N, C-alpha and C. Protein backbone atom coordinates (compact mmCIF):
# COMPACT_ATOMS: atom_id res chain seq x y z
N MET A 1 13.78 -5.87 1.96
CA MET A 1 13.12 -4.59 1.84
C MET A 1 11.65 -4.83 1.51
N LYS A 2 10.79 -4.06 2.12
CA LYS A 2 9.36 -4.15 1.87
C LYS A 2 8.89 -2.92 1.12
N THR A 3 7.83 -3.11 0.36
CA THR A 3 7.24 -1.96 -0.32
C THR A 3 6.45 -1.14 0.69
N ALA A 4 6.06 0.04 0.29
CA ALA A 4 5.28 0.90 1.18
C ALA A 4 3.95 0.25 1.54
N MET A 5 3.33 -0.42 0.58
CA MET A 5 2.05 -1.09 0.85
C MET A 5 2.24 -2.24 1.83
N GLN A 6 3.30 -3.01 1.68
CA GLN A 6 3.58 -4.10 2.60
C GLN A 6 3.82 -3.58 4.02
N GLU A 7 4.54 -2.46 4.13
CA GLU A 7 4.77 -1.86 5.45
C GLU A 7 3.47 -1.38 6.07
N LEU A 8 2.61 -0.78 5.27
CA LEU A 8 1.31 -0.31 5.77
C LEU A 8 0.49 -1.48 6.29
N ILE A 9 0.44 -2.56 5.55
CA ILE A 9 -0.32 -3.74 5.97
C ILE A 9 0.22 -4.26 7.29
N GLU A 10 1.53 -4.34 7.40
CA GLU A 10 2.16 -4.81 8.64
C GLU A 10 1.79 -3.92 9.83
N GLN A 11 1.83 -2.61 9.64
CA GLN A 11 1.49 -1.67 10.71
C GLN A 11 0.03 -1.81 11.12
N LEU A 12 -0.87 -1.95 10.14
CA LEU A 12 -2.29 -2.10 10.44
C LEU A 12 -2.56 -3.39 11.21
N LYS A 13 -1.88 -4.46 10.82
CA LYS A 13 -2.06 -5.74 11.52
C LYS A 13 -1.58 -5.64 12.97
N LYS A 14 -0.47 -4.96 13.20
CA LYS A 14 0.04 -4.79 14.56
C LYS A 14 -0.97 -4.00 15.40
N GLU A 15 -1.53 -2.96 14.80
CA GLU A 15 -2.50 -2.14 15.53
C GLU A 15 -3.75 -2.95 15.86
N ALA A 16 -4.20 -3.77 14.93
CA ALA A 16 -5.41 -4.57 15.14
C ALA A 16 -5.20 -5.61 16.23
N GLN A 17 -4.00 -6.09 16.42
CA GLN A 17 -3.70 -7.11 17.43
C GLN A 17 -3.91 -6.58 18.84
N PHE A 18 -3.77 -5.30 19.04
CA PHE A 18 -3.88 -4.72 20.38
C PHE A 18 -5.31 -4.60 20.87
N ILE A 19 -6.27 -4.80 19.98
CA ILE A 19 -7.66 -4.64 20.34
C ILE A 19 -8.25 -6.04 20.57
N SER A 20 -8.69 -6.30 21.77
CA SER A 20 -9.23 -7.63 22.09
C SER A 20 -10.74 -7.64 21.94
N ASP A 21 -11.31 -8.83 21.95
CA ASP A 21 -12.76 -8.99 21.83
C ASP A 21 -13.48 -8.44 23.07
N ASN A 22 -12.76 -8.28 24.16
CA ASN A 22 -13.37 -7.79 25.40
C ASN A 22 -13.41 -6.27 25.49
N ASP A 23 -12.83 -5.60 24.51
CA ASP A 23 -12.80 -4.14 24.54
C ASP A 23 -14.19 -3.58 24.24
N HIS A 24 -14.34 -2.30 24.43
CA HIS A 24 -15.60 -1.61 24.20
C HIS A 24 -16.03 -1.75 22.74
N ILE A 25 -17.30 -1.54 22.50
CA ILE A 25 -17.87 -1.64 21.16
C ILE A 25 -17.14 -0.74 20.18
N GLU A 26 -16.75 0.47 20.63
CA GLU A 26 -16.04 1.39 19.75
C GLU A 26 -14.69 0.80 19.32
N ASP A 27 -14.03 0.12 20.26
CA ASP A 27 -12.75 -0.50 19.94
C ASP A 27 -12.92 -1.65 18.95
N ARG A 28 -13.96 -2.43 19.14
CA ARG A 28 -14.22 -3.54 18.22
C ARG A 28 -14.57 -3.01 16.83
N MET A 29 -15.31 -1.90 16.79
CA MET A 29 -15.63 -1.29 15.49
C MET A 29 -14.36 -0.79 14.82
N TRP A 30 -13.46 -0.20 15.59
CA TRP A 30 -12.17 0.28 15.07
C TRP A 30 -11.38 -0.90 14.52
N ARG A 31 -11.36 -2.04 15.25
CA ARG A 31 -10.63 -3.22 14.79
C ARG A 31 -11.23 -3.72 13.48
N ASN A 32 -12.56 -3.75 13.38
CA ASN A 32 -13.20 -4.19 12.14
C ASN A 32 -12.83 -3.26 10.98
N GLY A 33 -12.74 -1.98 11.26
CA GLY A 33 -12.31 -1.03 10.23
C GLY A 33 -10.88 -1.29 9.80
N LEU A 34 -10.02 -1.62 10.78
CA LEU A 34 -8.64 -1.96 10.45
C LEU A 34 -8.57 -3.21 9.57
N ARG A 35 -9.39 -4.20 9.92
CA ARG A 35 -9.41 -5.43 9.11
C ARG A 35 -9.84 -5.14 7.68
N GLU A 36 -10.82 -4.29 7.52
CA GLU A 36 -11.26 -3.92 6.17
C GLU A 36 -10.15 -3.18 5.42
N ALA A 37 -9.46 -2.29 6.11
CA ALA A 37 -8.35 -1.56 5.49
C ALA A 37 -7.24 -2.52 5.08
N ILE A 38 -6.96 -3.52 5.92
CA ILE A 38 -5.93 -4.52 5.61
C ILE A 38 -6.33 -5.29 4.36
N GLU A 39 -7.58 -5.72 4.29
CA GLU A 39 -8.05 -6.46 3.11
C GLU A 39 -7.94 -5.62 1.84
N ARG A 40 -8.31 -4.36 1.94
CA ARG A 40 -8.21 -3.48 0.76
C ARG A 40 -6.76 -3.28 0.35
N ALA A 41 -5.89 -3.08 1.33
CA ALA A 41 -4.47 -2.89 1.02
C ALA A 41 -3.88 -4.16 0.40
N GLU A 42 -4.24 -5.31 0.95
CA GLU A 42 -3.74 -6.58 0.40
C GLU A 42 -4.21 -6.79 -1.04
N SER A 43 -5.42 -6.32 -1.33
CA SER A 43 -5.93 -6.47 -2.69
C SER A 43 -5.17 -5.59 -3.68
N MET A 44 -4.44 -4.60 -3.18
CA MET A 44 -3.68 -3.70 -4.05
C MET A 44 -2.24 -4.16 -4.29
N LEU A 45 -1.83 -5.24 -3.65
CA LEU A 45 -0.44 -5.69 -3.78
C LEU A 45 -0.07 -6.09 -5.20
N ASP A 46 -0.99 -6.74 -5.91
CA ASP A 46 -0.70 -7.11 -7.30
C ASP A 46 -0.52 -5.88 -8.18
N LYS A 47 -1.37 -4.88 -7.97
CA LYS A 47 -1.25 -3.64 -8.74
C LYS A 47 0.07 -2.95 -8.43
N GLU A 48 0.45 -2.93 -7.15
CA GLU A 48 1.71 -2.31 -6.76
C GLU A 48 2.88 -3.03 -7.44
N LYS A 49 2.83 -4.36 -7.45
CA LYS A 49 3.89 -5.15 -8.10
C LYS A 49 3.97 -4.81 -9.58
N GLU A 50 2.83 -4.73 -10.23
CA GLU A 50 2.80 -4.40 -11.66
C GLU A 50 3.43 -3.03 -11.93
N ILE A 51 3.12 -2.07 -11.08
CA ILE A 51 3.67 -0.72 -11.25
C ILE A 51 5.19 -0.72 -11.07
N ILE A 52 5.67 -1.44 -10.07
CA ILE A 52 7.11 -1.51 -9.82
C ILE A 52 7.81 -2.19 -11.00
N GLU A 53 7.23 -3.27 -11.50
CA GLU A 53 7.81 -3.96 -12.65
C GLU A 53 7.84 -3.06 -13.88
N THR A 54 6.77 -2.32 -14.10
CA THR A 54 6.71 -1.38 -15.23
C THR A 54 7.79 -0.31 -15.09
N ALA A 55 7.95 0.22 -13.89
CA ALA A 55 8.96 1.25 -13.66
C ALA A 55 10.36 0.69 -13.95
N PHE A 56 10.60 -0.53 -13.53
CA PHE A 56 11.90 -1.16 -13.78
C PHE A 56 12.13 -1.32 -15.28
N LEU A 57 11.13 -1.85 -15.98
CA LEU A 57 11.29 -2.08 -17.42
C LEU A 57 11.44 -0.77 -18.18
N GLU A 58 10.65 0.22 -17.83
CA GLU A 58 10.76 1.51 -18.52
C GLU A 58 12.09 2.19 -18.21
N GLY A 59 12.62 1.92 -17.05
CA GLY A 59 13.92 2.48 -16.70
C GLY A 59 15.04 1.89 -17.51
N ARG A 60 14.85 0.69 -18.04
CA ARG A 60 15.86 0.04 -18.86
C ARG A 60 15.85 0.58 -20.28
N ILE A 61 14.74 1.17 -20.67
CA ILE A 61 14.63 1.77 -22.00
C ILE A 61 15.05 3.23 -21.87
N LEU A 62 15.90 3.67 -22.75
CA LEU A 62 16.37 5.06 -22.65
C LEU A 62 15.22 6.02 -22.90
N ARG A 63 14.86 6.71 -21.86
CA ARG A 63 13.82 7.73 -21.95
C ARG A 63 14.35 8.98 -21.29
N PRO A 64 14.21 10.10 -21.91
CA PRO A 64 14.74 11.35 -21.34
C PRO A 64 13.84 11.92 -20.24
N LEU A 65 13.57 11.13 -19.22
CA LEU A 65 12.74 11.58 -18.11
C LEU A 65 13.50 11.41 -16.80
N THR A 66 13.28 12.34 -15.90
CA THR A 66 13.77 12.15 -14.54
C THR A 66 12.79 11.23 -13.83
N SER A 67 13.18 10.71 -12.69
CA SER A 67 12.27 9.85 -11.94
C SER A 67 11.01 10.61 -11.55
N GLU A 68 11.16 11.88 -11.21
CA GLU A 68 9.99 12.69 -10.83
C GLU A 68 9.07 12.90 -12.03
N GLN A 69 9.65 13.15 -13.20
CA GLN A 69 8.83 13.31 -14.40
C GLN A 69 8.08 12.02 -14.73
N TRP A 70 8.79 10.89 -14.61
CA TRP A 70 8.15 9.60 -14.87
C TRP A 70 6.99 9.39 -13.90
N TYR A 71 7.21 9.68 -12.62
CA TYR A 71 6.16 9.53 -11.60
C TYR A 71 4.95 10.40 -11.95
N ASN A 72 5.20 11.66 -12.23
CA ASN A 72 4.10 12.58 -12.53
C ASN A 72 3.34 12.16 -13.78
N GLU A 73 4.07 11.68 -14.79
CA GLU A 73 3.44 11.23 -16.03
C GLU A 73 2.63 9.95 -15.81
N THR A 74 3.19 9.03 -15.07
CA THR A 74 2.57 7.74 -14.86
C THR A 74 1.33 7.84 -13.98
N PHE A 75 1.39 8.65 -12.96
CA PHE A 75 0.31 8.71 -11.98
C PHE A 75 -0.57 9.96 -12.12
N ASN A 76 -0.40 10.69 -13.21
CA ASN A 76 -1.24 11.85 -13.49
C ASN A 76 -1.39 12.75 -12.28
N THR A 77 -0.27 13.14 -11.71
CA THR A 77 -0.32 13.94 -10.49
C THR A 77 -0.53 15.42 -10.75
N LYS A 78 -0.49 15.82 -11.98
CA LYS A 78 -0.67 17.24 -12.28
C LYS A 78 -1.97 17.48 -12.96
C-alpha cells in the first residue's frame, strides 16, 4: 500500500515521462513544472511519515476522539 503522497509522486512521474525533449517549449515548461512538483512532494515524505506515526501512536492511547475529530484537531481544519 502506498500513501497518498507516494501515489501523487508516481502519477506526476508518469505524466512527466510522456513529454520528450523534442516537444514544444510549452510542453518542456510543463515538464519542468512537473519535476518541481515532484521534488516538492518528495520533500514532504518525511513529514507525511511523521504524521502517520503520530496518528498510530495517539491511536494506541485511549483518547475519546473519533478519527474525524482527531484529523480536524491535528490539522486545524476548522
